[in-house]
Amino acid sequence: LVFILAAGFYITPRLMGGDRDQMLASIIAYQVDVLLNFNF
C-alpha cells in the first residue's frame, strides 16, 4: 500500500524535494499544465 501510494505522490515531492528529486507525477503535471501534451 505504501509503495503504490508513494510512487504516485505529487504534493510532497513538489514542495519539499529538490530539483533532482522530482518524481513521475511531477513530470505528468508539467506535461499537462505547461506543455498541454496530454498524449505523452
Full PDB file with SEQRES, HELIX, SHEET, SSBOND, CRYST1, ORIGX, SCALE, CONECT and MASTER records, all heavy atoms in Angstrom:
SEQRES   1 A   40  LEU VAL PHE ILE LEU ALA ALA GLY PHE TYR ILE THR PRO          
SEQRES   2 A   40  ARG LEU MET GLY GLY ASP ARG ASP GLN MET LEU ALA SER          
SEQRES   3 A   40  ILE ILE ALA TYR GLN VAL ASP VAL LEU LEU ASN PHE ASN          
SEQRES   4 A   40  PHE                                                          
HELIX    1 AA1 VAL A    2  ALA A    7  1                                   6    
HELIX    2 AA2 ILE A   11  MET A   16  1                                   6    
HELIX    3 AA3 ASP A   19  ASP A   21  5                                   3    
HELIX    4 AA4 LEU A   24  ASP A   33  1                                  10    
CRYST1    1.000    1.000    1.000  90.00  90.00  90.00 P 1           1          
ORIGX1      1.000000  0.000000  0.000000        0.00000                         
ORIGX2      0.000000  1.000000  0.000000        0.00000                         
ORIGX3      0.000000  0.000000  1.000000        0.00000                         
SCALE1      1.000000  0.000000  0.000000        0.00000                         
SCALE2      0.000000  1.000000  0.000000        0.00000                         
SCALE3      0.000000  0.000000  1.000000        0.00000                         
ATOM      1  N   LEU A   1       0.821  -1.210   0.000  1.00  0.00           N  
ATOM      2  CA  LEU A   1       0.000   0.000   0.000  1.00  0.00           C  
ATOM      3  C   LEU A   1       0.849   1.251   0.000  1.00  0.00           C  
ATOM      4  O   LEU A   1       0.610   2.188  -0.777  1.00  0.00           O  
ATOM      5  CB  LEU A   1      -0.932  -0.026   1.222  1.00  0.00           C  
ATOM      6  CG  LEU A   1      -1.854   1.180   1.404  1.00  0.00           C  
ATOM      7  CD1 LEU A   1      -2.805   1.305   0.218  1.00  0.00           C  
ATOM      8  CD2 LEU A   1      -2.635   1.069   2.701  1.00  0.00           C  
ATOM      9  N   VAL A   2       1.866   1.288   0.845  1.00  0.00           N  
ATOM     10  CA  VAL A   2       2.719   2.474   0.938  1.00  0.00           C  
ATOM     11  C   VAL A   2       3.512   2.678  -0.346  1.00  0.00           C  
ATOM     12  O   VAL A   2       3.645   3.807  -0.834  1.00  0.00           O  
ATOM     13  CB  VAL A   2       3.648   2.353   2.157  1.00  0.00           C  
ATOM     14  CG1 VAL A   2       4.706   3.454   2.137  1.00  0.00           C  
ATOM     15  CG2 VAL A   2       2.854   2.428   3.446  1.00  0.00           C  
ATOM     16  N   PHE A   3       4.044   1.609  -0.921  1.00  0.00           N  
ATOM     17  CA  PHE A   3       4.834   1.746  -2.149  1.00  0.00           C  
ATOM     18  C   PHE A   3       3.985   2.301  -3.290  1.00  0.00           C  
ATOM     19  O   PHE A   3       4.425   3.192  -4.032  1.00  0.00           O  
ATOM     20  CB  PHE A   3       5.421   0.394  -2.537  1.00  0.00           C  
ATOM     21  CG  PHE A   3       6.300   0.447  -3.756  1.00  0.00           C  
ATOM     22  CD1 PHE A   3       7.651   0.731  -3.641  1.00  0.00           C  
ATOM     23  CD2 PHE A   3       5.778   0.222  -5.021  1.00  0.00           C  
ATOM     24  CE1 PHE A   3       8.462   0.796  -4.759  1.00  0.00           C  
ATOM     25  CE2 PHE A   3       6.573   0.281  -6.144  1.00  0.00           C  
ATOM     26  CZ  PHE A   3       7.925   0.571  -6.021  1.00  0.00           C  
ATOM     27  N   ILE A   4       2.771   1.775  -3.444  1.00  0.00           N  
ATOM     28  CA  ILE A   4       1.916   2.227  -4.539  1.00  0.00           C  
ATOM     29  C   ILE A   4       1.526   3.689  -4.356  1.00  0.00           C  
ATOM     30  O   ILE A   4       1.556   4.485  -5.310  1.00  0.00           O  
ATOM     31  CB  ILE A   4       0.674   1.326  -4.634  1.00  0.00           C  
ATOM     32  CG1 ILE A   4       1.083  -0.065  -5.120  1.00  0.00           C  
ATOM     33  CG2 ILE A   4      -0.364   1.920  -5.568  1.00  0.00           C  
ATOM     34  CD1 ILE A   4      -0.055  -1.052  -5.133  1.00  0.00           C  
ATOM     35  N   LEU A   5       1.154   4.067  -3.134  1.00  0.00           N  
ATOM     36  CA  LEU A   5       0.791   5.459  -2.882  1.00  0.00           C  
ATOM     37  C   LEU A   5       1.982   6.391  -3.051  1.00  0.00           C  
ATOM     38  O   LEU A   5       1.851   7.488  -3.613  1.00  0.00           O  
ATOM     39  CB  LEU A   5       0.206   5.593  -1.475  1.00  0.00           C  
ATOM     40  CG  LEU A   5      -1.146   4.916  -1.228  1.00  0.00           C  
ATOM     41  CD1 LEU A   5      -1.551   5.060   0.238  1.00  0.00           C  
ATOM     42  CD2 LEU A   5      -2.223   5.514  -2.123  1.00  0.00           C  
ATOM     43  N   ALA A   6       3.149   5.964  -2.585  1.00  0.00           N  
ATOM     44  CA  ALA A   6       4.331   6.809  -2.682  1.00  0.00           C  
ATOM     45  C   ALA A   6       4.786   6.983  -4.127  1.00  0.00           C  
ATOM     46  O   ALA A   6       5.286   8.051  -4.503  1.00  0.00           O  
ATOM     47  CB  ALA A   6       5.463   6.225  -1.833  1.00  0.00           C  
ATOM     48  N   ALA A   7       4.620   5.950  -4.937  1.00  0.00           N  
ATOM     49  CA  ALA A   7       5.063   6.044  -6.332  1.00  0.00           C  
ATOM     50  C   ALA A   7       4.277   7.082  -7.121  1.00  0.00           C  
ATOM     51  O   ALA A   7       4.805   7.672  -8.075  1.00  0.00           O  
ATOM     52  CB  ALA A   7       4.942   4.675  -7.003  1.00  0.00           C  
ATOM     53  N   GLY A   8       3.041   7.325  -6.750  1.00  0.00           N  
ATOM     54  CA  GLY A   8       2.220   8.299  -7.463  1.00  0.00           C  
ATOM     55  C   GLY A   8       2.066   9.621  -6.744  1.00  0.00           C  
ATOM     56  O   GLY A   8       1.187  10.416  -7.101  1.00  0.00           O  
ATOM     57  N   PHE A   9       2.919   9.889  -5.747  1.00  0.00           N  
ATOM     58  CA  PHE A   9       2.778  11.112  -4.961  1.00  0.00           C  
ATOM     59  C   PHE A   9       3.245  12.327  -5.747  1.00  0.00           C  
ATOM     60  O   PHE A   9       4.194  12.260  -6.531  1.00  0.00           O  
ATOM     61  CB  PHE A   9       3.573  10.977  -3.661  1.00  0.00           C  
ATOM     62  CG  PHE A   9       2.732  11.244  -2.451  1.00  0.00           C  
ATOM     63  CD1 PHE A   9       1.594  10.511  -2.218  1.00  0.00           C  
ATOM     64  CD2 PHE A   9       3.068  12.241  -1.558  1.00  0.00           C  
ATOM     65  CE1 PHE A   9       0.814  10.749  -1.110  1.00  0.00           C  
ATOM     66  CE2 PHE A   9       2.296  12.483  -0.442  1.00  0.00           C  
ATOM     67  CZ  PHE A   9       1.167  11.739  -0.217  1.00  0.00           C  
ATOM     68  N   TYR A  10       2.590  13.474  -5.483  1.00  0.00           N  
ATOM     69  CA  TYR A  10       2.908  14.693  -6.213  1.00  0.00           C  
ATOM     70  C   TYR A  10       3.200  15.878  -5.290  1.00  0.00           C  
ATOM     71  O   TYR A  10       4.204  16.564  -5.446  1.00  0.00           O  
ATOM     72  CB  TYR A  10       1.768  15.065  -7.156  1.00  0.00           C  
ATOM     73  CG  TYR A  10       1.918  16.431  -7.777  1.00  0.00           C  
ATOM     74  CD1 TYR A  10       2.866  16.659  -8.769  1.00  0.00           C  
ATOM     75  CD2 TYR A  10       1.127  17.504  -7.368  1.00  0.00           C  
ATOM     76  CE1 TYR A  10       3.030  17.923  -9.330  1.00  0.00           C  
ATOM     77  CE2 TYR A  10       1.271  18.756  -7.927  1.00  0.00           C  
ATOM     78  CZ  TYR A  10       2.226  18.966  -8.905  1.00  0.00           C  
ATOM     79  OH  TYR A  10       2.387  20.204  -9.471  1.00  0.00           O  
ATOM     80  N   ILE A  11       2.337  16.117  -4.292  1.00  0.00           N  
ATOM     81  CA  ILE A  11       2.426  17.339  -3.498  1.00  0.00           C  
ATOM     82  C   ILE A  11       3.719  17.399  -2.699  1.00  0.00           C  
ATOM     83  O   ILE A  11       4.460  18.389  -2.759  1.00  0.00           O  
ATOM     84  CB  ILE A  11       1.198  17.451  -2.565  1.00  0.00           C  
ATOM     85  CG1 ILE A  11      -0.075  17.619  -3.395  1.00  0.00           C  
ATOM     86  CG2 ILE A  11       1.365  18.620  -1.606  1.00  0.00           C  
ATOM     87  CD1 ILE A  11      -1.332  17.701  -2.567  1.00  0.00           C  
ATOM     88  N   THR A  12       4.003  16.364  -1.930  1.00  0.00           N  
ATOM     89  CA  THR A  12       5.186  16.389  -1.060  1.00  0.00           C  
ATOM     90  C   THR A  12       6.491  16.488  -1.851  1.00  0.00           C  
ATOM     91  O   THR A  12       7.352  17.313  -1.519  1.00  0.00           O  
ATOM     92  CB  THR A  12       5.197  15.156  -0.141  1.00  0.00           C  
ATOM     93  OG1 THR A  12       3.984  15.123   0.619  1.00  0.00           O  
ATOM     94  CG2 THR A  12       6.375  15.202   0.804  1.00  0.00           C  
ATOM     95  N   PRO A  13       6.714  15.677  -2.892  1.00  0.00           N  
ATOM     96  CA  PRO A  13       7.958  15.851  -3.669  1.00  0.00           C  
ATOM     97  C   PRO A  13       8.048  17.222  -4.319  1.00  0.00           C  
ATOM     98  O   PRO A  13       9.144  17.792  -4.431  1.00  0.00           O  
ATOM     99  CB  PRO A  13       7.882  14.731  -4.720  1.00  0.00           C  
ATOM    100  CG  PRO A  13       6.973  13.723  -4.129  1.00  0.00           C  
ATOM    101  CD  PRO A  13       5.966  14.494  -3.346  1.00  0.00           C  
ATOM    102  N   ARG A  14       6.912  17.757  -4.753  1.00  0.00           N  
ATOM    103  CA  ARG A  14       6.930  19.054  -5.440  1.00  0.00           C  
ATOM    104  C   ARG A  14       7.298  20.182  -4.485  1.00  0.00           C  
ATOM    105  O   ARG A  14       8.000  21.132  -4.874  1.00  0.00           O  
ATOM    106  CB  ARG A  14       5.554  19.333  -6.052  1.00  0.00           C  
ATOM    107  CG  ARG A  14       5.505  20.559  -6.941  1.00  0.00           C  
ATOM    108  CD  ARG A  14       6.296  20.334  -8.212  1.00  0.00           C  
ATOM    109  NE  ARG A  14       6.288  21.503  -9.070  1.00  0.00           N  
ATOM    110  CZ  ARG A  14       7.156  22.511  -8.975  1.00  0.00           C  
ATOM    111  NH1 ARG A  14       8.117  22.481  -8.060  1.00  0.00           N  
ATOM    112  NH2 ARG A  14       7.094  23.537  -9.783  1.00  0.00           N  
ATOM    113  N   LEU A  15       6.837  20.119  -3.235  1.00  0.00           N  
ATOM    114  CA  LEU A  15       7.047  21.212  -2.294  1.00  0.00           C  
ATOM    115  C   LEU A  15       8.289  21.037  -1.438  1.00  0.00           C  
ATOM    116  O   LEU A  15       8.946  22.025  -1.101  1.00  0.00           O  
ATOM    117  CB  LEU A  15       5.816  21.358  -1.389  1.00  0.00           C  
ATOM    118  CG  LEU A  15       4.506  21.766  -2.060  1.00  0.00           C  
ATOM    119  CD1 LEU A  15       3.383  21.835  -1.047  1.00  0.00           C  
ATOM    120  CD2 LEU A  15       4.655  23.103  -2.785  1.00  0.00           C  
ATOM    121  N   MET A  16       8.620  19.816  -1.057  1.00  0.00           N  
ATOM    122  CA  MET A  16       9.707  19.592  -0.104  1.00  0.00           C  
ATOM    123  C   MET A  16      10.964  19.014  -0.748  1.00  0.00           C  
ATOM    124  O   MET A  16      12.027  19.032  -0.133  1.00  0.00           O  
ATOM    125  CB  MET A  16       9.231  18.658   1.018  1.00  0.00           C  
ATOM    126  CG  MET A  16       8.080  19.219   1.826  1.00  0.00           C  
ATOM    127  SD  MET A  16       7.637  18.184   3.245  1.00  0.00           S  
ATOM    128  CE  MET A  16       9.115  18.331   4.239  1.00  0.00           C  
ATOM    129  N   GLY A  17      10.854  18.463  -1.948  1.00  0.00           N  
ATOM    130  CA  GLY A  17      12.006  17.882  -2.615  1.00  0.00           C  
ATOM    131  C   GLY A  17      12.780  18.907  -3.412  1.00  0.00           C  
ATOM    132  O   GLY A  17      12.302  19.999  -3.723  1.00  0.00           O  
ATOM    133  N   GLY A  18      14.002  18.553  -3.763  1.00  0.00           N  
ATOM    134  CA  GLY A  18      14.818  19.424  -4.588  1.00  0.00           C  
ATOM    135  C   GLY A  18      14.522  19.235  -6.068  1.00  0.00           C  
ATOM    136  O   GLY A  18      13.655  18.433  -6.464  1.00  0.00           O  
ATOM    137  N   ASP A  19      15.232  19.970  -6.899  1.00  0.00           N  
ATOM    138  CA  ASP A  19      15.017  19.870  -8.343  1.00  0.00           C  
ATOM    139  C   ASP A  19      15.394  18.489  -8.873  1.00  0.00           C  
ATOM    140  O   ASP A  19      14.851  18.044  -9.884  1.00  0.00           O  
ATOM    141  CB  ASP A  19      15.845  20.944  -9.059  1.00  0.00           C  
ATOM    142  CG  ASP A  19      15.351  22.348  -8.731  1.00  0.00           C  
ATOM    143  OD1 ASP A  19      14.159  22.484  -8.380  1.00  0.00           O  
ATOM    144  OD2 ASP A  19      16.159  23.294  -8.807  1.00  0.00           O  
ATOM    145  N   ARG A  20      16.301  17.804  -8.203  1.00  0.00           N  
ATOM    146  CA  ARG A  20      16.744  16.485  -8.645  1.00  0.00           C  
ATOM    147  C   ARG A  20      15.950  15.353  -7.990  1.00  0.00           C  
ATOM    148  O   ARG A  20      16.291  14.191  -8.159  1.00  0.00           O  
ATOM    149  CB  ARG A  20      18.236  16.304  -8.347  1.00  0.00           C  
ATOM    150  CG  ARG A  20      19.128  17.312  -9.047  1.00  0.00           C  
ATOM    151  CD  ARG A  20      20.588  17.081  -8.698  1.00  0.00           C  
ATOM    152  NE  ARG A  20      21.035  15.763  -9.116  1.00  0.00           N  
ATOM    153  CZ  ARG A  20      21.472  15.463 -10.346  1.00  0.00           C  
ATOM    154  NH1 ARG A  20      21.514  16.414 -11.273  1.00  0.00           N  
ATOM    155  NH2 ARG A  20      21.855  14.239 -10.641  1.00  0.00           N  
ATOM    156  N   ASP A  21      14.922  15.698  -7.241  1.00  0.00           N  
ATOM    157  CA  ASP A  21      14.125  14.698  -6.542  1.00  0.00           C  
ATOM    158  C   ASP A  21      12.664  14.689  -7.004  1.00  0.00           C  
ATOM    159  O   ASP A  21      11.779  14.246  -6.266  1.00  0.00           O  
ATOM    160  CB  ASP A  21      14.164  14.945  -5.027  1.00  0.00           C  
ATOM    161  CG  ASP A  21      15.548  14.737  -4.450  1.00  0.00           C  
ATOM    162  OD1 ASP A  21      16.215  13.766  -4.857  1.00  0.00           O  
ATOM    163  OD2 ASP A  21      15.966  15.551  -3.606  1.00  0.00           O  
ATOM    164  N   GLN A  22      12.404  15.188  -8.197  1.00  0.00           N  
ATOM    165  CA  GLN A  22      11.043  15.194  -8.713  1.00  0.00           C  
ATOM    166  C   GLN A  22      10.702  13.821  -9.297  1.00  0.00           C  
ATOM    167  O   GLN A  22      11.528  13.185  -9.948  1.00  0.00           O  
ATOM    168  CB  GLN A  22      10.884  16.280  -9.773  1.00  0.00           C  
ATOM    169  CG  GLN A  22      11.110  17.684  -9.232  1.00  0.00           C  
ATOM    170  CD  GLN A  22      10.209  18.007  -8.050  1.00  0.00           C  
ATOM    171  OE1 GLN A  22       8.996  17.814  -8.105  1.00  0.00           O  
ATOM    172  NE2 GLN A  22      10.804  18.505  -6.975  1.00  0.00           N  
ATOM    173  N   MET A  23       9.462  13.400  -9.079  1.00  0.00           N  
ATOM    174  CA  MET A  23       9.034  12.064  -9.459  1.00  0.00           C  
ATOM    175  C   MET A  23       8.163  12.114 -10.708  1.00  0.00           C  
ATOM    176  O   MET A  23       7.915  13.178 -11.282  1.00  0.00           O  
ATOM    177  CB  MET A  23       8.297  11.410  -8.281  1.00  0.00           C  
ATOM    178  CG  MET A  23       9.163  11.338  -7.020  1.00  0.00           C  
ATOM    179  SD  MET A  23       8.256  10.885  -5.533  1.00  0.00           S  
ATOM    180  CE  MET A  23       7.762   9.210  -5.932  1.00  0.00           C  
ATOM    181  N   LEU A  24       7.669  10.932 -11.122  1.00  0.00           N  
ATOM    182  CA  LEU A  24       6.894  10.851 -12.362  1.00  0.00           C  
ATOM    183  C   LEU A  24       5.635  11.707 -12.319  1.00  0.00           C  
ATOM    184  O   LEU A  24       5.223  12.251 -13.341  1.00  0.00           O  
ATOM    185  CB  LEU A  24       6.511   9.387 -12.635  1.00  0.00           C  
ATOM    186  CG  LEU A  24       7.584   8.499 -13.270  1.00  0.00           C  
ATOM    187  CD1 LEU A  24       7.040   7.102 -13.482  1.00  0.00           C  
ATOM    188  CD2 LEU A  24       8.075   9.087 -14.586  1.00  0.00           C  
ATOM    189  N   ALA A  25       5.016  11.822 -11.153  1.00  0.00           N  
ATOM    190  CA  ALA A  25       3.801  12.631 -11.055  1.00  0.00           C  
ATOM    191  C   ALA A  25       4.077  14.091 -11.402  1.00  0.00           C  
ATOM    192  O   ALA A  25       3.225  14.761 -12.018  1.00  0.00           O  
ATOM    193  CB  ALA A  25       3.213  12.517  -9.650  1.00  0.00           C  
ATOM    194  N   SER A  26       5.257  14.584 -11.040  1.00  0.00           N  
ATOM    195  CA  SER A  26       5.615  15.960 -11.397  1.00  0.00           C  
ATOM    196  C   SER A  26       5.798  16.108 -12.899  1.00  0.00           C  
ATOM    197  O   SER A  26       5.420  17.141 -13.478  1.00  0.00           O  
ATOM    198  CB  SER A  26       6.900  16.363 -10.662  1.00  0.00           C  
ATOM    199  OG  SER A  26       6.734  16.292  -9.268  1.00  0.00           O  
ATOM    200  N   ILE A  27       6.362  15.105 -13.543  1.00  0.00           N  
ATOM    201  CA  ILE A  27       6.524  15.142 -15.000  1.00  0.00           C  
ATOM    202  C   ILE A  27       5.155  15.130 -15.690  1.00  0.00           C  
ATOM    203  O   ILE A  27       4.926  15.851 -16.665  1.00  0.00           O  
ATOM    204  CB  ILE A  27       7.383  13.960 -15.481  1.00  0.00           C  
ATOM    205  CG1 ILE A  27       8.744  13.971 -14.775  1.00  0.00           C  
ATOM    206  CG2 ILE A  27       7.567  14.001 -16.989  1.00  0.00           C  
ATOM    207  CD1 ILE A  27       9.569  15.192 -15.063  1.00  0.00           C  
ATOM    208  N   ILE A  28       4.252  14.322 -15.185  1.00  0.00           N  
ATOM    209  CA  ILE A  28       2.894  14.268 -15.751  1.00  0.00           C  
ATOM    210  C   ILE A  28       2.215  15.622 -15.615  1.00  0.00           C  
ATOM    211  O   ILE A  28       1.593  16.127 -16.566  1.00  0.00           O  
ATOM    212  CB  ILE A  28       2.073  13.164 -15.061  1.00  0.00           C  
ATOM    213  CG1 ILE A  28       2.675  11.791 -15.365  1.00  0.00           C  
ATOM    214  CG2 ILE A  28       0.620  13.211 -15.512  1.00  0.00           C  
ATOM    215  CD1 ILE A  28       2.009  10.659 -14.614  1.00  0.00           C  
ATOM    216  N   ALA A  29       2.317  16.232 -14.420  1.00  0.00           N  
ATOM    217  CA  ALA A  29       1.689  17.543 -14.207  1.00  0.00           C  
ATOM    218  C   ALA A  29       2.296  18.602 -15.129  1.00  0.00           C  
ATOM    219  O   ALA A  29       1.574  19.457 -15.662  1.00  0.00           O  
ATOM    220  CB  ALA A  29       1.844  17.956 -12.749  1.00  0.00           C  
ATOM    221  N   TYR A  30       3.596  18.549 -15.347  1.00  0.00           N  
ATOM    222  CA  TYR A  30       4.257  19.522 -16.225  1.00  0.00           C  
ATOM    223  C   TYR A  30       3.805  19.341 -17.674  1.00  0.00           C  
ATOM    224  O   TYR A  30       3.557  20.327 -18.388  1.00  0.00           O  
ATOM    225  CB  TYR A  30       5.770  19.363 -16.119  1.00  0.00           C  
ATOM    226  CG  TYR A  30       6.550  20.326 -16.985  1.00  0.00           C  
ATOM    227  CD1 TYR A  30       6.725  21.645 -16.582  1.00  0.00           C  
ATOM    228  CD2 TYR A  30       7.096  19.925 -18.198  1.00  0.00           C  
ATOM    229  CE1 TYR A  30       7.436  22.539 -17.376  1.00  0.00           C  
ATOM    230  CE2 TYR A  30       7.803  20.809 -18.997  1.00  0.00           C  
ATOM    231  CZ  TYR A  30       7.964  22.114 -18.578  1.00  0.00           C  
ATOM    232  OH  TYR A  30       8.652  23.001 -19.369  1.00  0.00           O  
ATOM    233  N   GLN A  31       3.691  18.103 -18.116  1.00  0.00           N  
ATOM    234  CA  GLN A  31       3.254  17.848 -19.491  1.00  0.00           C  
ATOM    235  C   GLN A  31       1.812  18.311 -19.715  1.00  0.00           C  
ATOM    236  O   GLN A  31       1.472  18.788 -20.807  1.00  0.00           O  
ATOM    237  CB  GLN A  31       3.358  16.349 -19.799  1.00  0.00           C  
ATOM    238  CG  GLN A  31       4.772  15.806 -19.829  1.00  0.00           C  
ATOM    239  CD  GLN A  31       5.580  16.330 -21.008  1.00  0.00           C  
ATOM    240  OE1 GLN A  31       5.030  16.599 -22.076  1.00  0.00           O  
ATOM    241  NE2 GLN A  31       6.889  16.471 -20.812  1.00  0.00           N  
ATOM    242  N   VAL A  32       0.968  18.207 -18.692  1.00  0.00           N  
ATOM    243  CA  VAL A  32      -0.438  18.593 -18.840  1.00  0.00           C  
ATOM    244  C   VAL A  32      -0.631  20.095 -18.664  1.00  0.00           C  
ATOM    245  O   VAL A  32      -1.289  20.746 -19.488  1.00  0.00           O  
ATOM    246  CB  VAL A  32      -1.305  17.809 -17.833  1.00  0.00           C  
ATOM    247  CG1 VAL A  32      -2.747  18.330 -17.834  1.00  0.00           C  
ATOM    248  CG2 VAL A  32      -1.293  16.325 -18.163  1.00  0.00           C  
ATOM    249  N   ASP A  33      -0.052  20.662 -17.592  1.00  0.00           N  
ATOM    250  CA  ASP A  33      -0.320  22.064 -17.260  1.00  0.00           C  
ATOM    251  C   ASP A  33       0.459  23.048 -18.117  1.00  0.00           C  
ATOM    252  O   ASP A  33      -0.052  24.124 -18.449  1.00  0.00           O  
ATOM    253  CB  ASP A  33       0.015  22.316 -15.779  1.00  0.00           C  
ATOM    254  CG  ASP A  33      -0.870  21.517 -14.847  1.00  0.00           C  
ATOM    255  OD1 ASP A  33      -1.985  21.143 -15.276  1.00  0.00           O  
ATOM    256  OD2 ASP A  33      -0.452  21.261 -13.694  1.00  0.00           O  
ATOM    257  N   VAL A  34       1.681  22.708 -18.486  1.00  0.00           N  
ATOM    258  CA  VAL A  34       2.541  23.653 -19.189  1.00  0.00           C  
ATOM    259  C   VAL A  34       2.589  23.370 -20.688  1.00  0.00           C  
ATOM    260  O   VAL A  34       2.336  24.252 -21.514  1.00  0.00           O  
ATOM    261  CB  VAL A  34       3.969  23.630 -18.593  1.00  0.00           C  
ATOM    262  CG1 VAL A  34       4.882  24.603 -19.342  1.00  0.00           C  
ATOM    263  CG2 VAL A  34       3.926  23.989 -17.110  1.00  0.00           C  
ATOM    264  N   LEU A  35       2.900  22.126 -21.056  1.00  0.00           N  
ATOM    265  CA  LEU A  35       3.073  21.783 -22.466  1.00  0.00           C  
ATOM    266  C   LEU A  35       1.776  21.362 -23.146  1.00  0.00           C  
ATOM    267  O   LEU A  35       1.731  21.267 -24.375  1.00  0.00           O  
ATOM    268  CB  LEU A  35       4.111  20.660 -22.600  1.00  0.00           C  
ATOM    269  CG  LEU A  35       5.509  20.977 -22.041  1.00  0.00           C  
ATOM    270  CD1 LEU A  35       6.440  19.786 -22.253  1.00  0.00           C  
ATOM    271  CD2 LEU A  35       6.078  22.237 -22.685  1.00  0.00           C  
ATOM    272  N   LEU A  36       0.750  21.062 -22.375  1.00  0.00           N  
ATOM    273  CA  LEU A  36      -0.544  20.598 -22.908  1.00  0.00           C  
ATOM    274  C   LEU A  36      -0.372  19.357 -23.786  1.00  0.00           C  
ATOM    275  O   LEU A  36      -1.118  19.153 -24.751  1.00  0.00           O  
ATOM    276  CB  LEU A  36      -1.229  21.714 -23.701  1.00  0.00           C  
ATOM    277  CG  LEU A  36      -1.543  23.004 -22.928  1.00  0.00           C  
ATOM    278  CD1 LEU A  36      -2.193  24.022 -23.842  1.00  0.00           C  
ATOM    279  CD2 LEU A  36      -2.427  22.714 -21.730  1.00  0.00           C  
ATOM    280  N   ASN A  37       0.600  18.527 -23.438  1.00  0.00           N  
ATOM    281  CA  ASN A  37       0.877  17.300 -24.195  1.00  0.00           C  
ATOM    282  C   ASN A  37       0.175  16.141 -23.484  1.00  0.00           C  
ATOM    283  O   ASN A  37       0.790  15.365 -22.745  1.00  0.00           O  
ATOM    284  CB  ASN A  37       2.385  17.061 -24.278  1.00  0.00           C  
ATOM    285  CG  ASN A  37       2.730  15.989 -25.292  1.00  0.00           C  
ATOM    286  OD1 ASN A  37       1.855  15.274 -25.804  1.00  0.00           O  
ATOM    287  ND2 ASN A  37       4.009  15.868 -25.609  1.00  0.00           N  
ATOM    288  N   PHE A  38      -1.117  16.026 -23.704  1.00  0.00           N  
ATOM    289  CA  PHE A  38      -1.923  15.041 -22.988  1.00  0.00           C  
ATOM    290  C   PHE A  38      -1.572  13.609 -23.392  1.00  0.00           C  
ATOM    291  O   PHE A  38      -1.659  12.698 -22.569  1.00  0.00           O  
ATOM    292  CB  PHE A  38      -3.415  15.306 -23.240  1.00  0.00           C  
ATOM    293  CG  PHE A  38      -3.895  16.619 -22.702  1.00  0.00           C  
ATOM    294  CD1 PHE A  38      -4.004  17.721 -23.525  1.00  0.00           C  
ATOM    295  CD2 PHE A  38      -4.212  16.752 -21.357  1.00  0.00           C  
ATOM    296  CE1 PHE A  38      -4.446  18.940 -23.031  1.00  0.00           C  
ATOM    297  CE2 PHE A  38      -4.661  17.961 -20.855  1.00  0.00           C  
ATOM    298  CZ  PHE A  38      -4.775  19.071 -21.688  1.00  0.00           C  
ATOM    299  N   ASN A  39      -1.191  13.417 -24.631  1.00  0.00           N  
ATOM    300  CA  ASN A  39      -0.872  12.061 -25.097  1.00  0.00           C  
ATOM    301  C   ASN A  39       0.388  11.529 -24.408  1.00  0.00           C  
ATOM    302  O   ASN A  39       0.420  10.382 -23.949  1.00  0.00           O  
ATOM    303  CB  ASN A  39      -0.698  12.052 -26.608  1.00  0.00           C  
ATOM    304  CG  ASN A  39      -1.969  12.432 -27.335  1.00  0.00           C  
ATOM    305  OD1 ASN A  39      -3.073  12.261 -26.812  1.00  0.00           O  
ATOM    306  ND2 ASN A  39      -1.844  12.946 -28.548  1.00  0.00           N  
ATOM    307  N   PHE A  40       1.425  12.357 -24.336  1.00  0.00           N  
ATOM    308  CA  PHE A  40       2.650  11.928 -23.688  1.00  0.00           C  
ATOM    309  C   PHE A  40       2.441  11.762 -22.181  1.00  0.00           C  
ATOM    310  O   PHE A  40       2.972  10.832 -21.568  1.00  0.00           O  
ATOM    311  CB  PHE A  40       3.764  12.936 -23.954  1.00  0.00           C  
ATOM    312  CG  PHE A  40       5.110  12.509 -23.457  1.00  0.00           C  
ATOM    313  CD1 PHE A  40       5.709  11.345 -23.931  1.00  0.00           C  
ATOM    314  CD2 PHE A  40       5.781  13.256 -22.503  1.00  0.00           C  
ATOM    315  CE1 PHE A  40       6.955  10.949 -23.465  1.00  0.00           C  
ATOM    316  CE2 PHE A  40       7.021  12.868 -22.030  1.00  0.00           C  
ATOM    317  CZ  PHE A  40       7.609  11.706 -22.514  1.00  0.00           C  
TER     318      PHE A  40                                                      
MASTER        0    0    0    4    0    0    0    6  317    1    0    4          
END                                                                             
